[in-house]
Amino acid sequence: MNPIPQITAQELRQRLATGEELVLIDVREDDEVAFGMISGAQHIPMGEIPQRTEEIPADAEVVFICRSGARSQRVCEYLQQQFGYNSVANLSGGMIDWNETAED
């Protein structure tokens, strides 16, 4: 198994600001995303990933997001091991870090 690439909140902000085409998937639960999501992110709760893999493009860079980066890391590992996804990345620090690096 290959190590899962990590992307920091700062790096993700920079890449989105330059208009880079990234697929963002938030794997948090409904009650968590009610407090806000990264603009443009798709919501697929972690527990629904196995049934909804057809919604995850295998030919694009996909960044997975959760609260702290732990669940999204597991989703990346699962997709890589079970389905051979090679272009997945984990938002290290998750929404905690994303919100801490928010522009004031």
PDB file of N, CA and C in Angstrom:
ATOM      1  N   MET A   1       0.833  -1.179   0.000  1.00  0.00           N
ATOM      2  CA  MET A   1       0.000   0.000   0.000  1.00  0.00           C
ATOM      3  C   MET A   1       0.884   1.250   0.000  1.00  0.00           C
ATOM      4  N   ASN A   2       0.520   2.213  -0.809  1.00  0.00           N
ATOM      5  CA  ASN A   2       1.255   3.473  -0.858  1.00  0.00           C
ATOM      6  C   ASN A   2       0.790   4.389   0.263  1.00  0.00           C
ATOM      7  N   PRO A   3       1.689   5.208   0.789  1.00  0.00           N
ATOM      8  CA  PRO A   3       1.248   6.167   1.805  1.00  0.00           C
ATOM      9  C   PRO A   3       0.260   7.162   1.196  1.00  0.00           C
ATOM     10  N   ILE A   4      -0.689   7.590   1.993  1.00  0.00           N
ATOM     11  CA  ILE A   4      -1.703   8.528   1.522  1.00  0.00           C
ATOM     12  C   ILE A   4      -1.115   9.941   1.539  1.00  0.00           C
ATOM     13  N   PRO A   5      -1.168  10.649   0.405  1.00  0.00           N
ATOM     14  CA  PRO A   5      -0.690  12.030   0.406  1.00  0.00           C
ATOM     15  C   PRO A   5      -1.514  12.891   1.360  1.00  0.00           C
ATOM     16  N   GLN A   6      -0.830  13.784   2.047  1.00  0.00           N
ATOM     17  CA  GLN A   6      -1.479  14.713   2.973  1.00  0.00           C
ATOM     18  C   GLN A   6      -1.419  16.115   2.365  1.00  0.00           C
ATOM     19  N   ILE A   7      -2.489  16.866   2.549  1.00  0.00           N
ATOM     20  CA  ILE A   7      -2.512  18.250   2.101  1.00  0.00           C
ATOM     21  C   ILE A   7      -2.922  19.095   3.299  1.00  0.00           C
ATOM     22  N   THR A   8      -2.203  20.178   3.533  1.00  0.00           N
ATOM     23  CA  THR A   8      -2.531  21.052   4.649  1.00  0.00           C
ATOM     24  C   THR A   8      -3.658  21.996   4.256  1.00  0.00           C
ATOM     25  N   ALA A   9      -4.295  22.577   5.249  1.00  0.00           N
ATOM     26  CA  ALA A   9      -5.366  23.540   4.985  1.00  0.00           C
ATOM     27  C   ALA A   9      -4.818  24.720   4.181  1.00  0.00           C
ATOM     28  N   GLN A  10      -3.639  25.175   4.539  1.00  0.00           N
ATOM     29  CA  GLN A  10      -3.017  26.302   3.837  1.00  0.00           C
ATOM     30  C   GLN A  10      -2.770  25.951   2.370  1.00  0.00           C
ATOM     31  N   GLU A  11      -2.222  24.767   2.124  1.00  0.00           N
ATOM     32  CA  GLU A  11      -1.943  24.339   0.756  1.00  0.00           C
ATOM     33  C   GLU A  11      -3.238  24.203  -0.041  1.00  0.00           C
ATOM     34  N   LEU A  12      -4.270  23.641   0.580  1.00  0.00           N
ATOM     35  CA  LEU A  12      -5.550  23.490  -0.109  1.00  0.00           C
ATOM     36  C   LEU A  12      -6.130  24.855  -0.453  1.00  0.00           C
ATOM     37  N   ARG A  13      -6.079  25.795   0.478  1.00  0.00           N
ATOM     38  CA  ARG A  13      -6.573  27.156   0.200  1.00  0.00           C
ATOM     39  C   ARG A  13      -5.846  27.771  -1.000  1.00  0.00           C
ATOM     40  N   GLN A  14      -4.527  27.610  -1.038  1.00  0.00           N
ATOM     41  CA  GLN A  14      -3.733  28.174  -2.128  1.00  0.00           C
ATOM     42  C   GLN A  14      -4.104  27.534  -3.460  1.00  0.00           C
ATOM     43  N   ARG A  15      -4.244  26.225  -3.461  1.00  0.00           N
ATOM     44  CA  ARG A  15      -4.574  25.519  -4.706  1.00  0.00           C
ATOM     45  C   ARG A  15      -5.963  25.888  -5.201  1.00  0.00           C
ATOM     46  N   LEU A  16      -6.918  26.032  -4.286  1.00  0.00           N
ATOM     47  CA  LEU A  16      -8.268  26.439  -4.684  1.00  0.00           C
ATOM     48  C   LEU A  16      -8.271  27.882  -5.179  1.00  0.00           C
ATOM     49  N   ALA A  17      -7.478  28.735  -4.546  1.00  0.00           N
ATOM     50  CA  ALA A  17      -7.407  30.151  -4.933  1.00  0.00           C
ATOM     51  C   ALA A  17      -6.858  30.330  -6.346  1.00  0.00           C
ATOM     52  N   THR A  18      -5.984  29.417  -6.763  1.00  0.00           N
ATOM     53  CA  THR A  18      -5.428  29.513  -8.122  1.00  0.00           C
ATOM     54  C   THR A  18      -6.338  28.860  -9.146  1.00  0.00           C
ATOM     55  N   GLY A  19      -7.490  28.355  -8.701  1.00  0.00           N
ATOM     56  CA  GLY A  19      -8.454  27.775  -9.633  1.00  0.00           C
ATOM     57  C   GLY A  19      -8.185  26.329  -9.999  1.00  0.00           C
ATOM     58  N   GLU A  20      -7.334  25.678  -9.239  1.00  0.00           N
ATOM     59  CA  GLU A  20      -7.018  24.274  -9.527  1.00  0.00           C
ATOM     60  C   GLU A  20      -8.271  23.409  -9.390  1.00  0.00           C
ATOM     61  N   GLU A  21      -8.429  22.477 -10.305  1.00  0.00           N
ATOM     62  CA  GLU A  21      -9.585  21.587 -10.314  1.00  0.00           C
ATOM     63  C   GLU A  21      -9.348  20.427  -9.356  1.00  0.00           C
ATOM     64  N   LEU A  22      -9.978  20.490  -8.198  1.00  0.00           N
ATOM     65  CA  LEU A  22      -9.882  19.416  -7.218  1.00  0.00           C
ATOM     66  C   LEU A  22     -11.287  18.968  -6.865  1.00  0.00           C
ATOM     67  N   VAL A  23     -11.449  17.687  -6.603  1.00  0.00           N
ATOM     68  CA  VAL A  23     -12.722  17.180  -6.118  1.00  0.00           C
ATOM     69  C   VAL A  23     -12.604  17.100  -4.603  1.00  0.00           C
ATOM     70  N   LEU A  24     -13.510  17.765  -3.905  1.00  0.00           N
ATOM     71  CA  LEU A  24     -13.501  17.771  -2.439  1.00  0.00           C
ATOM     72  C   LEU A  24     -14.686  16.959  -1.948  1.00  0.00           C
ATOM     73  N   ILE A  25     -14.422  15.993  -1.068  1.00  0.00           N
ATOM     74  CA  ILE A  25     -15.493  15.178  -0.498  1.00  0.00           C
ATOM     75  C   ILE A  25     -15.385  15.215   1.016  1.00  0.00           C
ATOM     76  N   ASP A  26     -16.446  15.699   1.636  1.00  0.00           N
ATOM     77  CA  ASP A  26     -16.529  15.816   3.092  1.00  0.00           C
ATOM     78  C   ASP A  26     -17.216  14.565   3.615  1.00  0.00           C
ATOM     79  N   VAL A  27     -16.528  13.805   4.476  1.00  0.00           N
ATOM     80  CA  VAL A  27     -17.060  12.523   4.965  1.00  0.00           C
ATOM     81  C   VAL A  27     -17.655  12.622   6.367  1.00  0.00           C
ATOM     82  N   ARG A  28     -17.847  13.851   6.864  1.00  0.00           N
ATOM     83  CA  ARG A  28     -18.431  14.015   8.198  1.00  0.00           C
ATOM     84  C   ARG A  28     -19.927  13.686   8.165  1.00  0.00           C
ATOM     85  N   GLU A  29     -20.493  13.561   9.345  1.00  0.00           N
ATOM     86  CA  GLU A  29     -21.923  13.259   9.477  1.00  0.00           C
ATOM     87  C   GLU A  29     -22.755  14.517   9.220  1.00  0.00           C
ATOM     88  N   ASP A  30     -24.061  14.315   8.982  1.00  0.00           N
ATOM     89  CA  ASP A  30     -24.964  15.418   8.666  1.00  0.00           C
ATOM     90  C   ASP A  30     -24.911  16.533   9.710  1.00  0.00           C
ATOM     91  N   ASP A  31     -24.919  16.157  10.994  1.00  0.00           N
ATOM     92  CA  ASP A  31     -24.931  17.181  12.038  1.00  0.00           C
ATOM     93  C   ASP A  31     -23.627  17.975  12.077  1.00  0.00           C
ATOM     94  N   GLU A  32     -22.543  17.380  11.590  1.00  0.00           N
ATOM     95  CA  GLU A  32     -21.267  18.092  11.560  1.00  0.00           C
ATOM     96  C   GLU A  32     -21.205  19.081  10.399  1.00  0.00           C
ATOM     97  N   VAL A  33     -21.668  18.667   9.217  1.00  0.00           N
ATOM     98  CA  VAL A  33     -21.606  19.562   8.058  1.00  0.00           C
ATOM     99  C   VAL A  33     -22.609  20.701   8.175  1.00  0.00           C
ATOM    100  N   ALA A  34     -23.578  20.560   9.065  1.00  0.00           N
ATOM    101  CA  ALA A  34     -24.546  21.641   9.288  1.00  0.00           C
ATOM    102  C   ALA A  34     -23.840  22.902   9.776  1.00  0.00           C
ATOM    103  N   PHE A  35     -22.642  22.760  10.379  1.00  0.00           N
ATOM    104  CA  PHE A  35     -21.883  23.904  10.871  1.00  0.00           C
ATOM    105  C   PHE A  35     -21.006  24.519   9.785  1.00  0.00           C
ATOM    106  N   GLY A  36     -21.038  23.949   8.593  1.00  0.00           N
ATOM    107  CA  GLY A  36     -20.288  24.527   7.487  1.00  0.00           C
ATOM    108  C   GLY A  36     -19.389  23.533   6.793  1.00  0.00           C
ATOM    109  N   MET A  37     -19.238  23.759   5.490  1.00  0.00           N
ATOM    110  CA  MET A  37     -18.380  22.929   4.649  1.00  0.00           C
ATOM    111  C   MET A  37     -17.503  23.854   3.809  1.00  0.00           C
ATOM    112  N   ILE A  38     -16.455  23.294   3.255  1.00  0.00           N
ATOM    113  CA  ILE A  38     -15.627  24.038   2.316  1.00  0.00           C
ATOM    114  C   ILE A  38     -16.454  24.227   1.041  1.00  0.00           C
ATOM    115  N   SER A  39     -16.450  25.435   0.531  1.00  0.00           N
ATOM    116  CA  SER A  39     -17.238  25.750  -0.661  1.00  0.00           C
ATOM    117  C   SER A  39     -16.881  24.803  -1.812  1.00  0.00           C
ATOM    118  N   GLY A  40     -17.897  24.215  -2.410  1.00  0.00           N
ATOM    119  CA  GLY A  40     -17.695  23.316  -3.539  1.00  0.00           C
ATOM    120  C   GLY A  40     -17.526  21.861  -3.162  1.00  0.00           C
ATOM    121  N   ALA A  41     -17.442  21.569  -1.869  1.00  0.00           N
ATOM    122  CA  ALA A  41     -17.266  20.183  -1.439  1.00  0.00           C
ATOM    123  C   ALA A  41     -18.570  19.413  -1.569  1.00  0.00           C
ATOM    124  N   GLN A  42     -18.426  18.132  -1.865  1.00  0.00           N
ATOM    125  CA  GLN A  42     -19.562  17.212  -1.929  1.00  0.00           C
ATOM    126  C   GLN A  42     -19.622  16.483  -0.585  1.00  0.00           C
ATOM    127  N   HIS A  43     -20.833  16.215  -0.113  1.00  0.00           N
ATOM    128  CA  HIS A  43     -20.984  15.537   1.177  1.00  0.00           C
ATOM    129  C   HIS A  43     -21.352  14.073   0.954  1.00  0.00           C
ATOM    130  N   ILE A  44     -20.460  13.178   1.362  1.00  0.00           N
ATOM    131  CA  ILE A  44     -20.738  11.737   1.379  1.00  0.00           C
ATOM    132  C   ILE A  44     -20.280  11.241   2.755  1.00  0.00           C
ATOM    133  N   PRO A  45     -21.213  11.009   3.690  1.00  0.00           N
ATOM    134  CA  PRO A  45     -20.805  10.533   5.014  1.00  0.00           C
ATOM    135  C   PRO A  45     -19.951   9.261   4.917  1.00  0.00           C
ATOM    136  N   MET A  46     -18.985   9.141   5.813  1.00  0.00           N
ATOM    137  CA  MET A  46     -18.047   8.020   5.789  1.00  0.00           C
ATOM    138  C   MET A  46     -18.754   6.674   5.659  1.00  0.00           C
ATOM    139  N   GLY A  47     -19.828   6.477   6.389  1.00  0.00           N
ATOM    140  CA  GLY A  47     -20.535   5.203   6.364  1.00  0.00           C
ATOM    141  C   GLY A  47     -21.195   4.882   5.028  1.00  0.00           C
ATOM    142  N   GLU A  48     -21.351   5.895   4.163  1.00  0.00           N
ATOM    143  CA  GLU A  48     -21.984   5.684   2.854  1.00  0.00           C
ATOM    144  C   GLU A  48     -20.973   5.497   1.729  1.00  0.00           C
ATOM    145  N   ILE A  49     -19.689   5.687   2.013  1.00  0.00           N
ATOM    146  CA  ILE A  49     -18.654   5.585   0.980  1.00  0.00           C
ATOM    147  C   ILE A  49     -18.724   4.259   0.214  1.00  0.00           C
ATOM    148  N   PRO A  50     -18.829   3.089   0.902  1.00  0.00           N
ATOM    149  CA  PRO A  50     -18.842   1.823   0.141  1.00  0.00           C
ATOM    150  C   PRO A  50     -19.982   1.729  -0.879  1.00  0.00           C
ATOM    151  N   GLN A  51     -21.129   2.326  -0.586  1.00  0.00           N
ATOM    152  CA  GLN A  51     -22.270   2.269  -1.500  1.00  0.00           C
ATOM    153  C   GLN A  51     -22.245   3.389  -2.543  1.00  0.00           C
ATOM    154  N   ARG A  52     -21.376   4.368  -2.372  1.00  0.00           N
ATOM    155  CA  ARG A  52     -21.405   5.536  -3.253  1.00  0.00           C
ATOM    156  C   ARG A  52     -20.084   5.763  -3.984  1.00  0.00           C
ATOM    157  N   THR A  53     -19.282   4.710  -4.142  1.00  0.00           N
ATOM    158  CA  THR A  53     -17.982   4.887  -4.795  1.00  0.00           C
ATOM    159  C   THR A  53     -18.124   5.365  -6.234  1.00  0.00           C
ATOM    160  N   GLU A  54     -19.266   5.077  -6.875  1.00  0.00           N
ATOM    161  CA  GLU A  54     -19.449   5.526  -8.268  1.00  0.00           C
ATOM    162  C   GLU A  54     -19.498   7.052  -8.358  1.00  0.00           C
ATOM    163  N   GLU A  55     -19.720   7.736  -7.248  1.00  0.00           N
ATOM    164  CA  GLU A  55     -19.744   9.199  -7.225  1.00  0.00           C
ATOM    165  C   GLU A  55     -18.349   9.801  -7.045  1.00  0.00           C
ATOM    166  N   ILE A  56     -17.364   8.944  -6.811  1.00  0.00           N
ATOM    167  CA  ILE A  56     -15.995   9.407  -6.567  1.00  0.00           C
ATOM    168  C   ILE A  56     -15.166   9.145  -7.819  1.00  0.00           C
ATOM    169  N   PRO A  57     -14.756  10.199  -8.524  1.00  0.00           N
ATOM    170  CA  PRO A  57     -14.007   9.992  -9.767  1.00  0.00           C
ATOM    171  C   PRO A  57     -12.644   9.350  -9.503  1.00  0.00           C
ATOM    172  N   ALA A  58     -12.334   8.337 -10.281  1.00  0.00           N
ATOM    173  CA  ALA A  58     -11.055   7.645 -10.129  1.00  0.00           C
ATOM    174  C   ALA A  58      -9.951   8.338 -10.931  1.00  0.00           C
ATOM    175  N   ASP A  59     -10.327   9.258 -11.808  1.00  0.00           N
ATOM    176  CA  ASP A  59      -9.357   9.896 -12.706  1.00  0.00           C
ATOM    177  C   ASP A  59      -9.083  11.356 -12.357  1.00  0.00           C
ATOM    178  N   ALA A  60      -9.503  11.790 -11.161  1.00  0.00           N
ATOM    179  CA  ALA A  60      -9.267  13.169 -10.727  1.00  0.00           C
ATOM    180  C   ALA A  60      -8.631  13.144  -9.346  1.00  0.00           C
ATOM    181  N   GLU A  61      -7.991  14.253  -8.978  1.00  0.00           N
ATOM    182  CA  GLU A  61      -7.446  14.331  -7.622  1.00  0.00           C
ATOM    183  C   GLU A  61      -8.598  14.615  -6.669  1.00  0.00           C
ATOM    184  N   VAL A  62      -8.754  13.731  -5.697  1.00  0.00           N
ATOM    185  CA  VAL A  62      -9.856  13.838  -4.743  1.00  0.00           C
ATOM    186  C   VAL A  62      -9.277  14.066  -3.348  1.00  0.00           C
ATOM    187  N   VAL A  63      -9.734  15.146  -2.714  1.00  0.00           N
ATOM    188  CA  VAL A  63      -9.292  15.461  -1.353  1.00  0.00           C
ATOM    189  C   VAL A  63     -10.446  15.128  -0.412  1.00  0.00           C
ATOM    190  N   PHE A  64     -10.161  14.283   0.566  1.00  0.00           N
ATOM    191  CA  PHE A  64     -11.174  13.894   1.550  1.00  0.00           C
ATOM    192  C   PHE A  64     -10.996  14.719   2.816  1.00  0.00           C
ATOM    193  N   ILE A  65     -12.153  15.095   3.393  1.00  0.00           N
ATOM    194  CA  ILE A  65     -12.186  16.035   4.509  1.00  0.00           C
ATOM    195  C   ILE A  65     -13.047  15.461   5.626  1.00  0.00           C
ATOM    196  N   CYS A  66     -12.584  15.619   6.870  1.00  0.00           N
ATOM    197  CA  CYS A  66     -13.424  15.314   8.033  1.00  0.00           C
ATOM    198  C   CYS A  66     -13.112  16.355   9.102  1.00  0.00           C
ATOM    199  N   ARG A  67     -13.459  16.091  10.337  1.00  0.00           N
ATOM    200  CA  ARG A  67     -13.249  17.068  11.402  1.00  0.00           C
ATOM    201  C   ARG A  67     -11.766  17.268  11.703  1.00  0.00           C
ATOM    202  N   SER A  68     -11.032  16.160  11.896  1.00  0.00           N
ATOM    203  CA  SER A  68      -9.632  16.274  12.323  1.00  0.00           C
ATOM    204  C   SER A  68      -8.638  15.643  11.353  1.00  0.00           C
ATOM    205  N   GLY A  69      -9.116  14.908  10.366  1.00  0.00           N
ATOM    206  CA  GLY A  69      -8.228  14.246   9.418  1.00  0.00           C
ATOM    207  C   GLY A  69      -8.115  12.751   9.620  1.00  0.00           C
ATOM    208  N   ALA A  70      -8.692  12.210  10.700  1.00  0.00           N
ATOM    209  CA  ALA A  70      -8.567  10.777  10.984  1.00  0.00           C
ATOM    210  C   ALA A  70      -9.521   9.946  10.130  1.00  0.00           C
ATOM    211  N   ARG A  71     -10.793  10.310  10.096  1.00  0.00           N
ATOM    212  CA  ARG A  71     -11.763   9.538   9.302  1.00  0.00           C
ATOM    213  C   ARG A  71     -11.460   9.646   7.813  1.00  0.00           C
ATOM    214  N   SER A  72     -11.113  10.831   7.367  1.00  0.00           N
ATOM    215  CA  SER A  72     -10.813  11.004   5.941  1.00  0.00           C
ATOM    216  C   SER A  72      -9.568  10.203   5.554  1.00  0.00           C
ATOM    217  N   GLN A  73      -8.619  10.082   6.455  1.00  0.00           N
ATOM    218  CA  GLN A  73      -7.439   9.246   6.213  1.00  0.00           C
ATOM    219  C   GLN A  73      -7.869   7.797   6.002  1.00  0.00           C
ATOM    220  N   ARG A  74      -8.774   7.298   6.852  1.00  0.00           N
ATOM    221  CA  ARG A  74      -9.249   5.911   6.724  1.00  0.00           C
ATOM    222  C   ARG A  74     -10.009   5.712   5.413  1.00  0.00           C
ATOM    223  N   VAL A  75     -10.777   6.709   4.996  1.00  0.00           N
ATOM    224  CA  VAL A  75     -11.498   6.605   3.719  1.00  0.00           C
ATOM    225  C   VAL A  75     -10.497   6.511   2.570  1.00  0.00           C
ATOM    226  N   CYS A  76      -9.455   7.328   2.605  1.00  0.00           N
ATOM    227  CA  CYS A  76      -8.418   7.269   1.561  1.00  0.00           C
ATOM    228  C   CYS A  76      -7.781   5.884   1.504  1.00  0.00           C
ATOM    229  N   GLU A  77      -7.436   5.351   2.666  1.00  0.00           N
ATOM    230  CA  GLU A  77      -6.813   4.019   2.720  1.00  0.00           C
ATOM    231  C   GLU A  77      -7.763   2.957   2.183  1.00  0.00           C
ATOM    232  N   TYR A  78      -9.024   3.038   2.551  1.00  0.00           N
ATOM    233  CA  TYR A  78     -10.037   2.080   2.083  1.00  0.00           C
ATOM    234  C   TYR A  78     -10.158   2.122   0.558  1.00  0.00           C
ATOM    235  N   LEU A  79     -10.282   3.312  -0.006  1.00  0.00           N
ATOM    236  CA  LEU A  79     -10.450   3.441  -1.460  1.00  0.00           C
ATOM    237  C   LEU A  79      -9.205   2.969  -2.204  1.00  0.00           C
ATOM    238  N   GLN A  80      -8.044   3.230  -1.634  1.00  0.00           N
ATOM    239  CA  GLN A  80      -6.801   2.781  -2.264  1.00  0.00           C
ATOM    240  C   GLN A  80      -6.692   1.258  -2.226  1.00  0.00           C
ATOM    241  N   GLN A  81      -6.984   0.661  -1.067  1.00  0.00           N
ATOM    242  CA  GLN A  81      -6.853  -0.785  -0.909  1.00  0.00           C
ATOM    243  C   GLN A  81      -7.924  -1.561  -1.674  1.00  0.00           C
ATOM    244  N   GLN A  82      -9.174  -1.120  -1.558  1.00  0.00           N
ATOM    245  CA  GLN A  82     -10.285  -1.887  -2.116  1.00  0.00           C
ATOM    246  C   GLN A  82     -10.551  -1.620  -3.594  1.00  0.00           C
ATOM    247  N   PHE A  83     -10.268  -0.412  -4.042  1.00  0.00           N
ATOM    248  CA  PHE A  83     -10.654  -0.022  -5.401  1.00  0.00           C
ATOM    249  C   PHE A  83      -9.504   0.518  -6.235  1.00  0.00           C
ATOM    250  N   GLY A  84      -8.305   0.596  -5.661  1.00  0.00           N
ATOM    251  CA  GLY A  84      -7.141   1.031  -6.411  1.00  0.00           C
ATOM    252  C   GLY A  84      -7.082   2.514  -6.725  1.00  0.00           C
ATOM    253  N   TYR A  85      -7.792   3.324  -5.957  1.00  0.00           N
ATOM    254  CA  TYR A  85      -7.711   4.775  -6.181  1.00  0.00           C
ATOM    255  C   TYR A  85      -6.290   5.250  -5.897  1.00  0.00           C
ATOM    256  N   ASN A  86      -5.708   5.965  -6.865  1.00  0.00           N
ATOM    257  CA  ASN A  86      -4.336   6.441  -6.712  1.00  0.00           C
ATOM    258  C   ASN A  86      -4.236   7.948  -6.526  1.00  0.00           C
ATOM    259  N   SER A  87      -5.328   8.664  -6.760  1.00  0.00           N
ATOM    260  CA  SER A  87      -5.276  10.125  -6.711  1.00  0.00           C
ATOM    261  C   SER A  87      -6.068  10.688  -5.543  1.00  0.00           C
ATOM    262  N   VAL A  88      -6.023   9.996  -4.399  1.00  0.00           N
ATOM    263  CA  VAL A  88      -6.727  10.488  -3.217  1.00  0.00           C
ATOM    264  C   VAL A  88      -5.725  11.174  -2.290  1.00  0.00           C
ATOM    265  N   ALA A  89      -6.206  12.190  -1.585  1.00  0.00           N
ATOM    266  CA  ALA A  89      -5.379  12.903  -0.609  1.00  0.00           C
ATOM    267  C   ALA A  89      -6.240  13.204   0.606  1.00  0.00           C
ATOM    268  N   ASN A  90      -5.587  13.337   1.740  1.00  0.00           N
ATOM    269  CA  ASN A  90      -6.261  13.615   3.002  1.00  0.00           C
ATOM    270  C   ASN A  90      -5.963  15.043   3.440  1.00  0.00           C
ATOM    271  N   LEU A  91      -7.015  15.766   3.849  1.00  0.00           N
ATOM    272  CA  LEU A  91      -6.812  17.098   4.428  1.00  0.00           C
ATOM    273  C   LEU A  91      -6.332  16.898   5.858  1.00  0.00           C
ATOM    274  N   SER A  92      -5.016  17.035   6.071  1.00  0.00           N
ATOM    275  CA  SER A  92      -4.462  16.816   7.409  1.00  0.00           C
ATOM    276  C   SER A  92      -4.964  17.913   8.341  1.00  0.00           C
ATOM    277  N   GLY A  93      -5.420  17.510   9.504  1.00  0.00           N
ATOM    278  CA  GLY A  93      -5.968  18.465  10.453  1.00  0.00           C
ATOM    279  C   GLY A  93      -7.431  18.784  10.213  1.00  0.00           C
ATOM    280  N   GLY A  94      -7.955  18.335   9.085  1.00  0.00           N
ATOM    281  CA  GLY A  94      -9.374  18.459   8.777  1.00  0.00           C
ATOM    282  C   GLY A  94      -9.929  19.867   8.905  1.00  0.00           C
ATOM    283  N   MET A  95     -11.224  19.923   9.221  1.00  0.00           N
ATOM    284  CA  MET A  95     -11.919  21.199   9.327  1.00  0.00           C
ATOM    285  C   MET A  95     -11.428  22.017  10.521  1.00  0.00           C
ATOM    286  N   ILE A  96     -10.840  21.358  11.518  1.00  0.00           N
ATOM    287  CA  ILE A  96     -10.272  22.100  12.644  1.00  0.00           C
ATOM    288  C   ILE A  96      -9.195  23.048  12.109  1.00  0.00           C
ATOM    289  N   ASP A  97      -8.238  22.501  11.340  1.00  0.00           N
ATOM    290  CA  ASP A  97      -7.171  23.323  10.784  1.00  0.00           C
ATOM    291  C   ASP A  97      -7.706  24.296   9.728  1.00  0.00           C
ATOM    292  N   TRP A  98      -8.661  23.849   8.921  1.00  0.00           N
ATOM    293  CA  TRP A  98      -9.230  24.719   7.885  1.00  0.00           C
ATOM    294  C   TRP A  98      -9.815  25.976   8.534  1.00  0.00           C
ATOM    295  N   ASN A  99     -10.576  25.798   9.591  1.00  0.00           N
ATOM    296  CA  ASN A  99     -11.191  26.940  10.247  1.00  0.00           C
ATOM    297  C   ASN A  99     -10.160  27.829  10.969  1.00  0.00           C
ATOM    298  N   GLU A 100      -9.095  27.216  11.450  1.00  0.00           N
ATOM    299  CA  GLU A 100      -8.041  28.000  12.113  1.00  0.00           C
ATOM    300  C   GLU A 100      -7.236  28.850  11.134  1.00  0.00           C
ATOM    301  N   THR A 101      -7.176  28.429   9.873  1.00  0.00           N
ATOM    302  CA  THR A 101      -6.417  29.178   8.874  1.00  0.00           C
ATOM    303  C   THR A 101      -7.315  30.098   8.059  1.00  0.00           C
ATOM    304  N   ALA A 102      -8.551  30.256   8.483  1.00  0.00           N
ATOM    305  CA  ALA A 102      -9.494  31.109   7.747  1.00  0.00           C
ATOM    306  C   ALA A 102      -8.976  32.542   7.685  1.00  0.00           C
ATOM    307  N   GLU A 103      -9.228  33.157   6.543  1.00  0.00           N
ATOM    308  CA  GLU A 103      -8.845  34.574   6.378  1.00  0.00           C
ATOM    309  C   GLU A 103      -9.787  35.416   7.234  1.00  0.00           C
ATOM    310  N   ASP A 104      -9.243  36.337   7.964  1.00  0.00           N
ATOM    311  CA  ASP A 104     -10.079  37.201   8.802  1.00  0.00           C
ATOM    312  C   ASP A 104     -10.664  38.350   8.013  1.00  0.00           C
TER     313      ASP A 104
END
